[in-house]
Amino acid sequence: MDDLTRTVVERGDLAHLALFLWASGASALLVWSLKEMARVNRYFNDFVREIASLNRLFRDKD
């Protein structure tokens, strides 16, 4: 990686390096946020399932 960075700096492509780093960071953040949303969605689905189970339990008592 050091050779790649040196080559980019010597050629004067700092803007391309900065753009690549920004795009990589943004993509990583997107992947992380999608994973977190999927995890939260599973927790919410479990919560709704438990509420439905309680509703059935109380409805059957009457």
N, C-alpha and C. Protein backbone atom coordinates (compact mmCIF):
# COMPACT_ATOMS: atom_id res chain seq x y z
N MET A 1 0.83 -1.20 0.00
CA MET A 1 0.00 0.00 0.00
C MET A 1 0.87 1.25 0.00
N ASP A 2 2.04 1.17 0.61
CA ASP A 2 2.93 2.32 0.66
C ASP A 2 3.42 2.69 -0.73
N ASP A 3 3.71 1.69 -1.55
CA ASP A 3 4.16 1.97 -2.93
C ASP A 3 3.04 2.61 -3.74
N LEU A 4 1.83 2.15 -3.54
CA LEU A 4 0.69 2.73 -4.25
C LEU A 4 0.49 4.19 -3.87
N THR A 5 0.58 4.47 -2.58
CA THR A 5 0.41 5.86 -2.12
C THR A 5 1.53 6.74 -2.66
N ARG A 6 2.75 6.24 -2.64
CA ARG A 6 3.89 7.01 -3.16
C ARG A 6 3.71 7.31 -4.65
N THR A 7 3.26 6.32 -5.40
CA THR A 7 3.05 6.50 -6.84
C THR A 7 1.97 7.55 -7.10
N VAL A 8 0.90 7.49 -6.34
CA VAL A 8 -0.19 8.47 -6.52
C VAL A 8 0.29 9.86 -6.18
N VAL A 9 1.05 10.00 -5.10
CA VAL A 9 1.55 11.32 -4.70
C VAL A 9 2.53 11.86 -5.73
N GLU A 10 3.41 11.02 -6.25
CA GLU A 10 4.38 11.48 -7.24
C GLU A 10 3.72 11.92 -8.53
N ARG A 11 2.64 11.29 -8.91
CA ARG A 11 1.95 11.65 -10.16
C ARG A 11 1.04 12.84 -9.98
N GLY A 12 0.79 13.22 -8.75
CA GLY A 12 -0.06 14.39 -8.51
C GLY A 12 -1.54 14.08 -8.52
N ASP A 13 -1.89 12.82 -8.31
CA ASP A 13 -3.29 12.43 -8.32
C ASP A 13 -3.89 12.41 -6.91
N LEU A 14 -3.60 13.43 -6.15
CA LEU A 14 -4.12 13.49 -4.78
C LEU A 14 -5.64 13.60 -4.76
N ALA A 15 -6.19 14.29 -5.74
CA ALA A 15 -7.65 14.42 -5.80
C ALA A 15 -8.30 13.06 -6.03
N HIS A 16 -7.68 12.25 -6.89
CA HIS A 16 -8.23 10.92 -7.12
C HIS A 16 -8.12 10.05 -5.87
N LEU A 17 -7.02 10.18 -5.16
CA LEU A 17 -6.85 9.42 -3.92
C LEU A 17 -7.88 9.85 -2.89
N ALA A 18 -8.08 11.16 -2.77
CA ALA A 18 -9.07 11.67 -1.83
C ALA A 18 -10.47 11.20 -2.21
N LEU A 19 -10.79 11.22 -3.49
CA LEU A 19 -12.10 10.77 -3.95
C LEU A 19 -12.29 9.28 -3.68
N PHE A 20 -11.25 8.50 -3.92
CA PHE A 20 -11.32 7.06 -3.64
C PHE A 20 -11.54 6.80 -2.16
N LEU A 21 -10.81 7.50 -1.32
CA LEU A 21 -10.97 7.32 0.13
C LEU A 21 -12.35 7.73 0.59
N TRP A 22 -12.87 8.84 0.05
CA TRP A 22 -14.22 9.28 0.40
C TRP A 22 -15.26 8.25 -0.04
N ALA A 23 -15.14 7.75 -1.26
CA ALA A 23 -16.10 6.77 -1.78
C ALA A 23 -16.02 5.47 -0.98
N SER A 24 -14.83 5.07 -0.61
CA SER A 24 -14.68 3.84 0.19
C SER A 24 -15.32 4.02 1.56
N GLY A 25 -15.09 5.16 2.16
CA GLY A 25 -15.69 5.44 3.47
C GLY A 25 -17.20 5.50 3.39
N ALA A 26 -17.72 6.14 2.36
CA ALA A 26 -19.16 6.25 2.21
C ALA A 26 -19.78 4.88 1.96
N SER A 27 -19.13 4.05 1.18
CA SER A 27 -19.64 2.70 0.92
C SER A 27 -19.62 1.85 2.18
N ALA A 28 -18.55 1.96 2.94
CA ALA A 28 -18.46 1.21 4.20
C ALA A 28 -19.54 1.66 5.16
N LEU A 29 -19.79 2.95 5.22
CA LEU A 29 -20.85 3.47 6.10
C LEU A 29 -22.22 2.98 5.64
N LEU A 30 -22.44 2.91 4.35
CA LEU A 30 -23.70 2.41 3.82
C LEU A 30 -23.91 0.94 4.19
N VAL A 31 -22.88 0.12 4.02
CA VAL A 31 -22.98 -1.30 4.37
C VAL A 31 -23.26 -1.46 5.85
N TRP A 32 -22.54 -0.70 6.69
CA TRP A 32 -22.75 -0.77 8.13
C TRP A 32 -24.17 -0.38 8.51
N SER A 33 -24.68 0.72 7.91
CA SER A 33 -26.03 1.18 8.26
C SER A 33 -27.09 0.19 7.79
N LEU A 34 -26.88 -0.45 6.64
CA LEU A 34 -27.84 -1.46 6.19
C LEU A 34 -27.85 -2.67 7.12
N LYS A 35 -26.67 -3.07 7.60
CA LYS A 35 -26.61 -4.18 8.56
C LYS A 35 -27.33 -3.81 9.85
N GLU A 36 -27.13 -2.59 10.32
CA GLU A 36 -27.79 -2.15 11.55
C GLU A 36 -29.31 -2.08 11.36
N MET A 37 -29.75 -1.60 10.21
CA MET A 37 -31.20 -1.53 9.96
C MET A 37 -31.80 -2.92 9.90
N ALA A 38 -31.10 -3.89 9.33
CA ALA A 38 -31.59 -5.26 9.29
C ALA A 38 -31.68 -5.84 10.69
N ARG A 39 -30.68 -5.55 11.54
CA ARG A 39 -30.68 -6.04 12.91
C ARG A 39 -31.84 -5.44 13.70
N VAL A 40 -32.05 -4.13 13.57
CA VAL A 40 -33.13 -3.46 14.27
C VAL A 40 -34.48 -3.98 13.77
N ASN A 41 -34.59 -4.24 12.48
CA ASN A 41 -35.83 -4.76 11.92
C ASN A 41 -36.15 -6.14 12.51
N ARG A 42 -35.12 -6.98 12.70
CA ARG A 42 -35.35 -8.29 13.34
C ARG A 42 -35.84 -8.12 14.77
N TYR A 43 -35.22 -7.20 15.52
CA TYR A 43 -35.65 -6.97 16.90
C TYR A 43 -37.09 -6.46 16.94
N PHE A 44 -37.43 -5.56 16.04
CA PHE A 44 -38.79 -5.03 16.02
C PHE A 44 -39.78 -6.13 15.64
N ASN A 45 -39.40 -6.99 14.71
CA ASN A 45 -40.26 -8.10 14.31
C ASN A 45 -40.49 -9.04 15.49
N ASP A 46 -39.44 -9.31 16.27
CA ASP A 46 -39.59 -10.14 17.47
C ASP A 46 -40.52 -9.48 18.47
N PHE A 47 -40.40 -8.18 18.64
CA PHE A 47 -41.27 -7.44 19.55
C PHE A 47 -42.73 -7.53 19.13
N VAL A 48 -42.99 -7.32 17.84
CA VAL A 48 -44.37 -7.39 17.34
C VAL A 48 -44.92 -8.80 17.50
N ARG A 49 -44.09 -9.80 17.28
CA ARG A 49 -44.52 -11.19 17.44
C ARG A 49 -44.89 -11.47 18.91
N GLU A 50 -44.12 -10.94 19.84
CA GLU A 50 -44.43 -11.13 21.27
C GLU A 50 -45.72 -10.41 21.65
N ILE A 51 -45.94 -9.22 21.14
CA ILE A 51 -47.18 -8.49 21.41
C ILE A 51 -48.37 -9.27 20.86
N ALA A 52 -48.24 -9.83 19.68
CA ALA A 52 -49.32 -10.62 19.10
C ALA A 52 -49.58 -11.86 19.95
N SER A 53 -48.52 -12.45 20.47
CA SER A 53 -48.67 -13.61 21.34
C SER A 53 -49.41 -13.24 22.63
N LEU A 54 -49.07 -12.09 23.21
CA LEU A 54 -49.78 -11.64 24.41
C LEU A 54 -51.24 -11.34 24.10
N ASN A 55 -51.51 -10.73 22.97
CA ASN A 55 -52.90 -10.43 22.59
C ASN A 55 -53.70 -11.72 22.45
N ARG A 56 -53.12 -12.75 21.84
CA ARG A 56 -53.81 -14.03 21.72
C ARG A 56 -54.06 -14.65 23.10
N LEU A 57 -53.07 -14.54 23.99
CA LEU A 57 -53.21 -15.09 25.34
C LEU A 57 -54.34 -14.41 26.09
N PHE A 58 -54.40 -13.09 26.04
CA PHE A 58 -55.46 -12.37 26.76
C PHE A 58 -56.81 -12.55 26.09
N ARG A 59 -56.85 -12.68 24.78
CA ARG A 59 -58.11 -12.88 24.08
C ARG A 59 -58.67 -14.26 24.41
N ASP A 60 -57.81 -15.26 24.54
CA ASP A 60 -58.27 -16.62 24.84
C ASP A 60 -58.76 -16.75 26.27
N LYS A 61 -58.31 -15.90 27.20
CA LYS A 61 -58.76 -15.96 28.58
C LYS A 61 -60.22 -15.54 28.70
N ASP A 62 -60.64 -14.62 27.85
CA ASP A 62 -62.03 -14.12 27.93
C ASP A 62 -62.92 -15.11 27.30
